[in-house]
């Protein structure tokens, strides 16, 4: 998928896919929300507001209150690319979220996922 394409995808299309990935492995929507709140700094109310609007994935990250200062601790491979080596800041944020949800689906504990 071309980079621009994912930037312009609707958050309302991507979010259910993240939740489905987690739920297929007996994890919950609440855990996905916790990961998103940890990463992007949204409160639950702010997250729900963003999900109710017709915004792009790019806008979602641009409007994030504050990226977690520990997000640089997220390492590993998503789609064959090391997340810590991604140069485009927006793409790196997107892949960080992908990586965290992947870790959730693989059964990691929330403490490890949230780098606590």
Protein backbone atom coordinates (compact mmCIF):
# COMPACT_ATOMS: atom_id res chain seq x y z
CA UNK A 1 0.00 0.00 0.00
CA UNK A 2 1.49 3.35 -0.98
CA UNK A 3 2.39 5.59 1.94
CA UNK A 4 0.01 8.38 0.92
CA UNK A 5 -2.82 5.91 0.74
CA UNK A 6 -2.61 4.91 4.41
CA UNK A 7 -2.23 8.56 5.47
CA UNK A 8 -5.50 9.42 3.78
CA UNK A 9 -7.46 6.37 4.91
CA UNK A 10 -10.36 7.04 7.19
CA UNK A 11 -9.75 6.36 10.87
CA UNK A 12 -13.21 4.81 10.94
CA UNK A 13 -11.91 2.14 8.50
CA UNK A 14 -8.63 1.43 10.26
CA UNK A 15 -9.80 1.35 13.88
CA UNK A 16 -12.15 -1.65 13.43
CA UNK A 17 -9.31 -3.59 11.78
CA UNK A 18 -7.08 -2.94 14.80
CA UNK A 19 -9.82 -4.11 17.14
CA UNK A 20 -10.53 -7.20 15.01
CA UNK A 21 -6.84 -8.15 15.03
CA UNK A 22 -6.87 -8.06 18.83
CA UNK A 23 -10.25 -9.77 19.25
CA UNK A 24 -9.23 -12.69 17.01
CA UNK A 25 -6.64 -13.47 19.69
CA UNK A 26 -9.08 -13.07 22.60
CA UNK A 27 -7.97 -9.56 23.48
CA UNK A 28 -10.40 -6.65 23.84
CA UNK A 29 -11.38 -3.35 22.30
CA UNK A 30 -10.72 -1.77 25.70
CA UNK A 31 -7.10 -2.95 25.50
CA UNK A 32 -6.73 -1.50 21.99
CA UNK A 33 -8.13 1.78 23.31
CA UNK A 34 -5.68 1.70 26.21
CA UNK A 35 -2.80 1.28 23.77
CA UNK A 36 -4.01 4.16 21.60
CA UNK A 37 -4.46 6.41 24.64
CA UNK A 38 -0.97 5.51 25.91
CA UNK A 39 0.66 6.13 22.54
CA UNK A 40 -1.13 9.29 21.39
CA UNK A 41 -2.16 10.92 24.66
CA UNK A 42 -5.91 10.93 24.06
CA UNK A 43 -8.34 10.55 26.94
CA UNK A 44 -11.09 7.99 26.39
CA UNK A 45 -13.57 10.80 25.67
CA UNK A 46 -11.20 12.43 23.19
CA UNK A 47 -10.60 9.08 21.50
CA UNK A 48 -14.33 8.47 21.17
CA UNK A 49 -14.76 11.97 19.71
CA UNK A 50 -12.03 11.33 17.14
CA UNK A 51 -13.61 7.99 16.21
CA UNK A 52 -16.99 9.65 15.70
CA UNK A 53 -15.57 12.20 13.24
CA UNK A 54 -14.78 11.49 9.62
CA UNK A 55 -11.03 12.10 9.83
CA UNK A 56 -8.00 10.57 8.17
CA UNK A 57 -5.37 8.51 9.93
CA UNK A 58 -2.98 11.42 9.33
CA UNK A 59 -5.32 13.90 11.03
CA UNK A 60 -5.75 11.51 13.97
CA UNK A 61 -2.01 11.55 14.64
CA UNK A 62 -1.61 15.27 13.85
CA UNK A 63 -4.27 16.09 16.44
CA UNK A 64 -2.86 13.72 19.06
CA UNK A 65 -2.50 15.60 22.34
CA UNK A 66 1.01 14.28 23.03
CA UNK A 67 2.88 11.22 21.87
CA UNK A 68 4.11 9.16 24.80
CA UNK A 69 7.72 10.01 25.68
CA UNK A 70 8.48 6.27 25.84
CA UNK A 71 7.33 5.58 22.28
CA UNK A 72 10.98 5.54 21.21
CA UNK A 73 11.23 2.27 23.17
CA UNK A 74 8.97 0.60 20.59
CA UNK A 75 11.20 -1.58 18.45
CA UNK A 76 10.73 -4.47 16.10
CA UNK A 77 9.50 -5.27 12.63
CA UNK A 78 6.16 -4.43 11.02
CA UNK A 79 5.57 -5.31 7.38
CA UNK A 80 9.24 -6.21 7.02
CA UNK A 81 10.47 -2.81 8.20
CA UNK A 82 12.12 -2.00 11.54
CA UNK A 83 9.90 0.61 13.20
CA UNK A 84 12.84 2.36 14.81
CA UNK A 85 14.42 2.90 11.36
CA UNK A 86 11.40 4.57 9.74
CA UNK A 87 12.38 8.12 8.78
CA UNK A 88 8.94 9.61 8.07
CA UNK A 89 7.58 10.71 11.49
CA UNK A 90 3.95 10.10 10.58
CA UNK A 91 4.63 6.65 9.13
CA UNK A 92 6.64 5.80 12.23
CA UNK A 93 3.67 6.71 14.47
CA UNK A 94 1.37 4.57 12.35
CA UNK A 95 3.75 1.62 12.51
CA UNK A 96 4.26 2.08 16.26
CA UNK A 97 0.52 1.60 16.71
CA UNK A 98 0.58 -1.43 14.40
CA UNK A 99 3.46 -2.92 16.40
CA UNK A 100 1.72 -2.39 19.74
CA UNK A 101 -1.50 -4.02 18.51
CA UNK A 102 0.58 -6.89 17.07
CA UNK A 103 2.16 -7.38 20.49
CA UNK A 104 -1.29 -7.38 22.09
CA UNK A 105 -2.50 -10.01 19.62
CA UNK A 106 0.59 -12.12 20.33
CA UNK A 107 -0.35 -12.30 24.00
CA UNK A 108 2.11 -9.88 25.59
CA UNK A 109 1.05 -8.35 28.87
CA UNK A 110 -0.10 -4.73 28.89
CA UNK A 111 2.85 -3.80 31.14
CA UNK A 112 5.30 -5.00 28.47
CA UNK A 113 3.30 -3.45 25.61
CA UNK A 114 3.16 -0.09 27.38
CA UNK A 115 6.88 -0.24 28.19
CA UNK A 116 6.30 -0.01 31.96
